[in-house]
Amino acid sequence: MSTPLIDTKSAAIYRFLKQDILNGRLRPGEKLVASKVAEAYGVSIIPVREALNRLRAEGLVTIIPHTGAYVTEIDLEDLKDLYPIRGVLEGFATRLACLKLAEEEFRRLEDLIGEMDRVIEQGRFPEMGHLNYEFHMTIYRASGNKHLVRLIDELWQRTARVRGVFALVPERAAQANREHREILRALKARDAERAEGLIIEQDAKSLRALMDYLRGEGKDALGDR
């Protein structure tokens, strides 16, 4: 049985590795050498192995016997099934929120856009995923429908690997923040139909950018976005 100290170290390494996988610092297919991870965090190999096994149970790491551990490849077919559902729910939440958003929430959205500008300018693209999540959830929470917000959040967690698109395709970050400004303008104008359409369109663009990257089309595929 693991000691409490090892459990604590394992939990910390698990959190660090999971964050790096979801934000794109660790790329799909990248090999995770347990000894190197242990050296990087100044721990023994035991808590690293425990963390990797926990990530394997969540489907984020693939462990191949006698070969090693790898960041699990992203399941595009699964994302293609989930994203249209997410888009419909997010669009509905945006329509509900449009007439309810208060000045405090508009200021929060403006602050998040400004923070995203800063991380883009400084090349801190992996941080975009969390800020983008907060921007969207600020809107959806304003819908006042807690069941709808819970369903959307569950779908965000199931499609969490898409957050890494900003690190994998940095060009997408600046495009997404321009779209955020358009969404905010529509919300301030209380144009529910336009805001709903922009939200759904942004979801589709982010998924396409990730799909293009994973299919090896990369930057060239972004020219018409």
C-alpha atoms as a PDB file:
ATOM      1  CA  MET A   1       0.000   0.000   0.000  1.00  0.00           C
ATOM      2  CA  SER A   2       1.244   3.491  -0.847  1.00  0.00           C
ATOM      3  CA  THR A   3       2.233   5.797   1.964  1.00  0.00           C
ATOM      4  CA  PRO A   4       0.354   9.106   2.392  1.00  0.00           C
ATOM      5  CA  LEU A   5       3.461  10.984   1.197  1.00  0.00           C
ATOM      6  CA  ILE A   6       3.644   8.949  -1.996  1.00  0.00           C
ATOM      7  CA  ASP A   7      -0.116   9.420  -2.473  1.00  0.00           C
ATOM      8  CA  THR A   8       0.333  13.187  -2.177  1.00  0.00           C
ATOM      9  CA  LYS A   9       3.196  13.204  -4.678  1.00  0.00           C
ATOM     10  CA  SER A  10       1.284  10.947  -7.040  1.00  0.00           C
ATOM     11  CA  ALA A  11      -1.783  13.219  -6.891  1.00  0.00           C
ATOM     12  CA  ALA A  12       0.322  16.297  -7.629  1.00  0.00           C
ATOM     13  CA  ILE A  13       2.067  14.665 -10.594  1.00  0.00           C
ATOM     14  CA  TYR A  14      -1.287  13.402 -11.849  1.00  0.00           C
ATOM     15  CA  ARG A  15      -2.673  16.962 -11.777  1.00  0.00           C
ATOM     16  CA  PHE A  16       0.391  18.431 -13.520  1.00  0.00           C
ATOM     17  CA  LEU A  17       0.442  15.791 -16.251  1.00  0.00           C
ATOM     18  CA  LYS A  18      -3.326  15.964 -16.796  1.00  0.00           C
ATOM     19  CA  GLN A  19      -3.183  19.739 -17.142  1.00  0.00           C
ATOM     20  CA  ASP A  20      -0.311  19.487 -19.621  1.00  0.00           C
ATOM     21  CA  ILE A  21      -2.200  16.898 -21.677  1.00  0.00           C
ATOM     22  CA  LEU A  22      -5.431  18.892 -21.759  1.00  0.00           C
ATOM     23  CA  ASN A  23      -3.781  22.221 -22.585  1.00  0.00           C
ATOM     24  CA  GLY A  24      -1.621  20.729 -25.336  1.00  0.00           C
ATOM     25  CA  ARG A  25       1.822  21.048 -23.736  1.00  0.00           C
ATOM     26  CA  LEU A  26       2.014  17.270 -23.984  1.00  0.00           C
ATOM     27  CA  ARG A  27       0.945  16.377 -27.496  1.00  0.00           C
ATOM     28  CA  PRO A  28      -1.063  13.377 -28.696  1.00  0.00           C
ATOM     29  CA  GLY A  29       1.248  10.400 -29.142  1.00  0.00           C
ATOM     30  CA  GLU A  30       4.082  11.923 -27.093  1.00  0.00           C
ATOM     31  CA  LYS A  31       6.052   9.390 -25.048  1.00  0.00           C
ATOM     32  CA  LEU A  32       6.100   9.821 -21.280  1.00  0.00           C
ATOM     33  CA  VAL A  33       9.302   8.345 -19.835  1.00  0.00           C
ATOM     34  CA  ALA A  34       8.631   7.660 -16.167  1.00  0.00           C
ATOM     35  CA  SER A  35      12.259   8.153 -15.119  1.00  0.00           C
ATOM     36  CA  LYS A  36      12.431  11.548 -16.829  1.00  0.00           C
ATOM     37  CA  VAL A  37       9.127  12.658 -15.295  1.00  0.00           C
ATOM     38  CA  ALA A  38      10.403  11.548 -11.868  1.00  0.00           C
ATOM     39  CA  GLU A  39      13.626  13.495 -12.383  1.00  0.00           C
ATOM     40  CA  ALA A  40      11.743  16.604 -13.536  1.00  0.00           C
ATOM     41  CA  TYR A  41       9.588  16.621 -10.395  1.00  0.00           C
ATOM     42  CA  GLY A  42      12.288  15.454  -8.006  1.00  0.00           C
ATOM     43  CA  VAL A  43      10.468  12.295  -6.902  1.00  0.00           C
ATOM     44  CA  SER A  44      10.953   8.553  -7.084  1.00  0.00           C
ATOM     45  CA  ILE A  45       9.478   6.579  -9.940  1.00  0.00           C
ATOM     46  CA  ILE A  46       6.722   5.043  -7.773  1.00  0.00           C
ATOM     47  CA  PRO A  47       4.371   8.091  -7.590  1.00  0.00           C
ATOM     48  CA  VAL A  48       4.967   8.712 -11.304  1.00  0.00           C
ATOM     49  CA  ARG A  49       3.817   5.199 -12.164  1.00  0.00           C
ATOM     50  CA  GLU A  50       0.750   5.646  -9.951  1.00  0.00           C
ATOM     51  CA  ALA A  51      -0.071   8.934 -11.680  1.00  0.00           C
ATOM     52  CA  LEU A  52       0.342   7.351 -15.125  1.00  0.00           C
ATOM     53  CA  ASN A  53      -1.952   4.478 -14.161  1.00  0.00           C
ATOM     54  CA  ARG A  54      -4.580   6.948 -12.990  1.00  0.00           C
ATOM     55  CA  LEU A  55      -4.328   8.840 -16.281  1.00  0.00           C
ATOM     56  CA  ARG A  56      -4.591   5.545 -18.157  1.00  0.00           C
ATOM     57  CA  ALA A  57      -7.846   4.803 -16.306  1.00  0.00           C
ATOM     58  CA  GLU A  58      -9.176   8.156 -17.575  1.00  0.00           C
ATOM     59  CA  GLY A  59      -8.122   7.396 -21.133  1.00  0.00           C
ATOM     60  CA  LEU A  60      -5.535  10.193 -21.289  1.00  0.00           C
ATOM     61  CA  VAL A  61      -2.487   7.903 -21.290  1.00  0.00           C
ATOM     62  CA  THR A  62      -1.893   4.638 -23.122  1.00  0.00           C
ATOM     63  CA  ILE A  63       0.558   2.196 -21.542  1.00  0.00           C
ATOM     64  CA  ILE A  64       2.065  -0.424 -23.862  1.00  0.00           C
ATOM     65  CA  PRO A  65       3.855  -3.280 -22.081  1.00  0.00           C
ATOM     66  CA  HIS A  66       7.635  -3.350 -22.672  1.00  0.00           C
ATOM     67  CA  THR A  67       7.322  -0.143 -24.699  1.00  0.00           C
ATOM     68  CA  GLY A  68       6.201   2.667 -22.414  1.00  0.00           C
ATOM     69  CA  ALA A  69       3.508   5.254 -21.763  1.00  0.00           C
ATOM     70  CA  TYR A  70       2.175   7.640 -24.382  1.00  0.00           C
ATOM     71  CA  VAL A  71      -0.304  10.500 -24.443  1.00  0.00           C
ATOM     72  CA  THR A  72      -3.444   8.939 -25.888  1.00  0.00           C
ATOM     73  CA  GLU A  73      -4.327  10.026 -29.405  1.00  0.00           C
ATOM     74  CA  ILE A  74      -7.464  12.152 -29.711  1.00  0.00           C
ATOM     75  CA  ASP A  75     -10.569  10.276 -30.889  1.00  0.00           C
ATOM     76  CA  LEU A  76     -11.836  12.469 -33.726  1.00  0.00           C
ATOM     77  CA  GLU A  77     -14.911  10.363 -34.381  1.00  0.00           C
ATOM     78  CA  ASP A  78     -15.983  10.777 -30.771  1.00  0.00           C
ATOM     79  CA  LEU A  79     -15.479  14.542 -30.961  1.00  0.00           C
ATOM     80  CA  LYS A  80     -17.423  14.751 -34.210  1.00  0.00           C
ATOM     81  CA  ASP A  81     -20.363  13.034 -32.503  1.00  0.00           C
ATOM     82  CA  LEU A  82     -20.241  15.172 -29.353  1.00  0.00           C
ATOM     83  CA  TYR A  83     -19.587  18.627 -30.780  1.00  0.00           C
ATOM     84  CA  PRO A  84     -22.920  19.129 -32.582  1.00  0.00           C
ATOM     85  CA  ILE A  85     -24.716  18.277 -29.320  1.00  0.00           C
ATOM     86  CA  ARG A  86     -22.530  20.714 -27.440  1.00  0.00           C
ATOM     87  CA  GLY A  87     -23.165  23.400 -30.032  1.00  0.00           C
ATOM     88  CA  VAL A  88     -26.951  23.105 -29.788  1.00  0.00           C
ATOM     89  CA  LEU A  89     -26.914  23.294 -25.983  1.00  0.00           C
ATOM     90  CA  GLU A  90     -24.433  26.166 -25.899  1.00  0.00           C
ATOM     91  CA  GLY A  91     -26.402  28.086 -28.484  1.00  0.00           C
ATOM     92  CA  PHE A  92     -29.593  27.670 -26.463  1.00  0.00           C
ATOM     93  CA  ALA A  93     -27.826  28.757 -23.264  1.00  0.00           C
ATOM     94  CA  THR A  94     -26.448  31.825 -25.046  1.00  0.00           C
ATOM     95  CA  ARG A  95     -29.900  32.771 -26.301  1.00  0.00           C
ATOM     96  CA  LEU A  96     -31.268  32.525 -22.748  1.00  0.00           C
ATOM     97  CA  ALA A  97     -28.329  34.464 -21.306  1.00  0.00           C
ATOM     98  CA  CYS A  98     -28.457  37.274 -23.831  1.00  0.00           C
ATOM     99  CA  LEU A  99     -31.251  39.154 -22.081  1.00  0.00           C
ATOM    100  CA  LYS A 100     -30.000  38.353 -18.576  1.00  0.00           C
ATOM    101  CA  LEU A 101     -26.310  39.275 -18.645  1.00  0.00           C
ATOM    102  CA  ALA A 102     -25.576  42.129 -16.231  1.00  0.00           C
ATOM    103  CA  GLU A 103     -22.830  44.764 -16.296  1.00  0.00           C
ATOM    104  CA  GLU A 104     -20.752  42.765 -13.846  1.00  0.00           C
ATOM    105  CA  GLU A 105     -20.761  39.796 -16.226  1.00  0.00           C
ATOM    106  CA  PHE A 106     -19.957  41.983 -19.220  1.00  0.00           C
ATOM    107  CA  ARG A 107     -16.944  43.331 -17.298  1.00  0.00           C
ATOM    108  CA  ARG A 108     -15.880  39.754 -16.536  1.00  0.00           C
ATOM    109  CA  LEU A 109     -16.078  38.842 -20.222  1.00  0.00           C
ATOM    110  CA  GLU A 110     -14.070  41.942 -21.167  1.00  0.00           C
ATOM    111  CA  ASP A 111     -11.426  41.092 -18.560  1.00  0.00           C
ATOM    112  CA  LEU A 112     -11.121  37.556 -19.901  1.00  0.00           C
ATOM    113  CA  ILE A 113     -10.697  38.834 -23.452  1.00  0.00           C
ATOM    114  CA  GLY A 114      -7.974  41.173 -22.226  1.00  0.00           C
ATOM    115  CA  GLU A 115      -6.197  38.357 -20.387  1.00  0.00           C
ATOM    116  CA  MET A 116      -6.382  36.197 -23.512  1.00  0.00           C
ATOM    117  CA  ASP A 117      -4.805  39.038 -25.492  1.00  0.00           C
ATOM    118  CA  ARG A 118      -1.917  39.066 -23.011  1.00  0.00           C
ATOM    119  CA  VAL A 119      -1.259  35.331 -23.081  1.00  0.00           C
ATOM    120  CA  ILE A 120      -1.389  35.369 -26.895  1.00  0.00           C
ATOM    121  CA  GLU A 121       1.059  38.270 -27.080  1.00  0.00           C
ATOM    122  CA  GLN A 122       3.404  36.477 -24.692  1.00  0.00           C
ATOM    123  CA  GLY A 123       3.091  33.136 -26.495  1.00  0.00           C
ATOM    124  CA  ARG A 124       1.537  31.399 -23.484  1.00  0.00           C
ATOM    125  CA  PHE A 125      -0.873  29.479 -25.694  1.00  0.00           C
ATOM    126  CA  PRO A 126      -1.500  26.536 -23.332  1.00  0.00           C
ATOM    127  CA  GLU A 127      -3.158  28.985 -20.920  1.00  0.00           C
ATOM    128  CA  MET A 128      -5.801  29.862 -23.508  1.00  0.00           C
ATOM    129  CA  GLY A 129      -7.809  26.700 -22.909  1.00  0.00           C
ATOM    130  CA  HIS A 130      -8.771  27.586 -19.350  1.00  0.00           C
ATOM    131  CA  LEU A 131      -9.474  31.247 -20.163  1.00  0.00           C
ATOM    132  CA  ASN A 132     -11.631  30.226 -23.121  1.00  0.00           C
ATOM    133  CA  TYR A 133     -13.556  27.853 -20.863  1.00  0.00           C
ATOM    134  CA  GLU A 134     -14.167  30.624 -18.322  1.00  0.00           C
ATOM    135  CA  PHE A 135     -15.333  33.023 -21.046  1.00  0.00           C
ATOM    136  CA  HIS A 136     -17.922  30.589 -22.332  1.00  0.00           C
ATOM    137  CA  MET A 137     -19.108  29.338 -18.961  1.00  0.00           C
ATOM    138  CA  THR A 138     -19.590  32.931 -17.764  1.00  0.00           C
ATOM    139  CA  ILE A 139     -22.128  33.298 -20.563  1.00  0.00           C
ATOM    140  CA  TYR A 140     -23.849  29.963 -20.008  1.00  0.00           C
ATOM    141  CA  ARG A 141     -24.183  30.426 -16.236  1.00  0.00           C
ATOM    142  CA  ALA A 142     -26.052  33.664 -16.930  1.00  0.00           C
ATOM    143  CA  SER A 143     -28.778  31.589 -18.611  1.00  0.00           C
ATOM    144  CA  GLY A 144     -30.113  30.843 -15.145  1.00  0.00           C
ATOM    145  CA  ASN A 145     -30.771  27.205 -16.076  1.00  0.00           C
ATOM    146  CA  LYS A 146     -28.565  25.107 -13.792  1.00  0.00           C
ATOM    147  CA  HIS A 147     -29.477  21.830 -15.489  1.00  0.00           C
ATOM    148  CA  LEU A 148     -28.491  23.185 -18.891  1.00  0.00           C
ATOM    149  CA  VAL A 149     -25.210  24.530 -17.494  1.00  0.00           C
ATOM    150  CA  ARG A 150     -24.445  21.159 -15.914  1.00  0.00           C
ATOM    151  CA  LEU A 151     -25.047  19.321 -19.197  1.00  0.00           C
ATOM    152  CA  ILE A 152     -22.819  21.766 -21.079  1.00  0.00           C
ATOM    153  CA  ASP A 153     -20.065  21.469 -18.492  1.00  0.00           C
ATOM    154  CA  GLU A 154     -20.198  17.677 -18.686  1.00  0.00           C
ATOM    155  CA  LEU A 155     -19.787  17.867 -22.464  1.00  0.00           C
ATOM    156  CA  TRP A 156     -16.866  20.291 -22.063  1.00  0.00           C
ATOM    157  CA  GLN A 157     -15.177  17.742 -19.797  1.00  0.00           C
ATOM    158  CA  ARG A 158     -15.818  14.952 -22.299  1.00  0.00           C
ATOM    159  CA  THR A 159     -14.327  17.082 -25.083  1.00  0.00           C
ATOM    160  CA  ALA A 160     -11.588  18.561 -22.887  1.00  0.00           C
ATOM    161  CA  ARG A 161      -8.811  17.533 -25.275  1.00  0.00           C
ATOM    162  CA  VAL A 162      -9.975  20.263 -27.670  1.00  0.00           C
ATOM    163  CA  ARG A 163      -8.681  22.851 -25.186  1.00  0.00           C
ATOM    164  CA  GLY A 164      -5.203  21.958 -26.394  1.00  0.00           C
ATOM    165  CA  VAL A 165      -5.949  23.306 -29.864  1.00  0.00           C
ATOM    166  CA  PHE A 166      -4.450  26.672 -28.872  1.00  0.00           C
ATOM    167  CA  ALA A 167      -1.072  25.085 -28.093  1.00  0.00           C
ATOM    168  CA  LEU A 168      -1.206  22.722 -31.066  1.00  0.00           C
ATOM    169  CA  VAL A 169      -2.411  25.405 -33.512  1.00  0.00           C
ATOM    170  CA  PRO A 170      -1.330  28.785 -32.032  1.00  0.00           C
ATOM    171  CA  GLU A 171      -2.905  30.706 -34.919  1.00  0.00           C
ATOM    172  CA  ARG A 172      -6.281  29.584 -33.651  1.00  0.00           C
ATOM    173  CA  ALA A 173      -5.834  31.559 -30.408  1.00  0.00           C
ATOM    174  CA  ALA A 174      -5.901  35.029 -32.002  1.00  0.00           C
ATOM    175  CA  GLN A 175      -8.779  34.025 -34.273  1.00  0.00           C
ATOM    176  CA  ALA A 176     -10.777  32.724 -31.327  1.00  0.00           C
ATOM    177  CA  ASN A 177     -10.302  35.930 -29.368  1.00  0.00           C
ATOM    178  CA  ARG A 178     -11.475  38.027 -32.309  1.00  0.00           C
ATOM    179  CA  GLU A 179     -14.564  35.817 -32.306  1.00  0.00           C
ATOM    180  CA  HIS A 180     -14.958  36.430 -28.569  1.00  0.00           C
ATOM    181  CA  ARG A 181     -15.130  40.154 -29.265  1.00  0.00           C
ATOM    182  CA  GLU A 182     -17.844  39.590 -31.862  1.00  0.00           C
ATOM    183  CA  ILE A 183     -19.795  37.420 -29.427  1.00  0.00           C
ATOM    184  CA  LEU A 184     -19.509  40.079 -26.732  1.00  0.00           C
ATOM    185  CA  ARG A 185     -20.724  42.801 -29.127  1.00  0.00           C
ATOM    186  CA  ALA A 186     -23.766  40.701 -30.024  1.00  0.00           C
ATOM    187  CA  LEU A 187     -24.516  40.047 -26.355  1.00  0.00           C
ATOM    188  CA  LYS A 188     -24.243  43.726 -25.459  1.00  0.00           C
ATOM    189  CA  ALA A 189     -26.596  44.545 -28.333  1.00  0.00           C
ATOM    190  CA  ARG A 190     -28.981  41.912 -26.918  1.00  0.00           C
ATOM    191  CA  ASP A 191     -28.938  40.218 -30.325  1.00  0.00           C
ATOM    192  CA  ALA A 192     -29.690  36.687 -29.153  1.00  0.00           C
ATOM    193  CA  GLU A 193     -29.904  35.168 -32.626  1.00  0.00           C
ATOM    194  CA  ARG A 194     -26.499  36.496 -33.702  1.00  0.00           C
ATOM    195  CA  ALA A 195     -24.837  35.573 -30.403  1.00  0.00           C
ATOM    196  CA  GLU A 196     -26.219  32.046 -30.634  1.00  0.00           C
ATOM    197  CA  GLY A 197     -24.967  31.666 -34.205  1.00  0.00           C
ATOM    198  CA  LEU A 198     -21.491  32.967 -33.337  1.00  0.00           C
ATOM    199  CA  ILE A 199     -21.150  30.542 -30.427  1.00  0.00           C
ATOM    200  CA  ILE A 200     -22.097  27.558 -32.595  1.00  0.00           C
ATOM    201  CA  GLU A 201     -19.800  28.745 -35.383  1.00  0.00           C
ATOM    202  CA  GLN A 202     -16.858  29.124 -33.007  1.00  0.00           C
ATOM    203  CA  ASP A 203     -17.299  25.572 -31.737  1.00  0.00           C
ATOM    204  CA  ALA A 204     -17.195  24.306 -35.302  1.00  0.00           C
ATOM    205  CA  LYS A 205     -14.075  26.321 -36.160  1.00  0.00           C
ATOM    206  CA  SER A 206     -12.150  25.074 -33.138  1.00  0.00           C
ATOM    207  CA  LEU A 207     -13.023  21.475 -33.933  1.00  0.00           C
ATOM    208  CA  ARG A 208     -12.022  21.928 -37.590  1.00  0.00           C
ATOM    209  CA  ALA A 209      -8.675  23.461 -36.584  1.00  0.00           C
ATOM    210  CA  LEU A 210      -7.914  20.515 -34.324  1.00  0.00           C
ATOM    211  CA  MET A 211      -9.019  18.010 -36.950  1.00  0.00           C
ATOM    212  CA  ASP A 212      -6.824  19.692 -39.566  1.00  0.00           C
ATOM    213  CA  TYR A 213      -3.850  19.558 -37.217  1.00  0.00           C
ATOM    214  CA  LEU A 214      -4.362  15.887 -36.399  1.00  0.00           C
ATOM    215  CA  ARG A 215      -4.756  15.050 -40.058  1.00  0.00           C
ATOM    216  CA  GLY A 216      -1.441  16.722 -40.796  1.00  0.00           C
ATOM    217  CA  GLU A 217      -2.837  19.692 -42.708  1.00  0.00           C
ATOM    218  CA  GLY A 218      -1.634  22.123 -40.035  1.00  0.00           C
ATOM    219  CA  LYS A 219      -1.305  25.836 -40.661  1.00  0.00           C
ATOM    220  CA  ASP A 220      -2.182  25.741 -44.346  1.00  0.00           C
ATOM    221  CA  ALA A 221      -5.702  24.658 -43.501  1.00  0.00           C
ATOM    222  CA  LEU A 222      -6.315  27.785 -41.434  1.00  0.00           C
ATOM    223  CA  GLY A 223      -6.059  30.261 -44.267  1.00  0.00           C
ATOM    224  CA  ASP A 224      -9.785  30.506 -44.956  1.00  0.00           C
ATOM    225  CA  ARG A 225     -10.889  30.619 -41.301  1.00  0.00           C
END
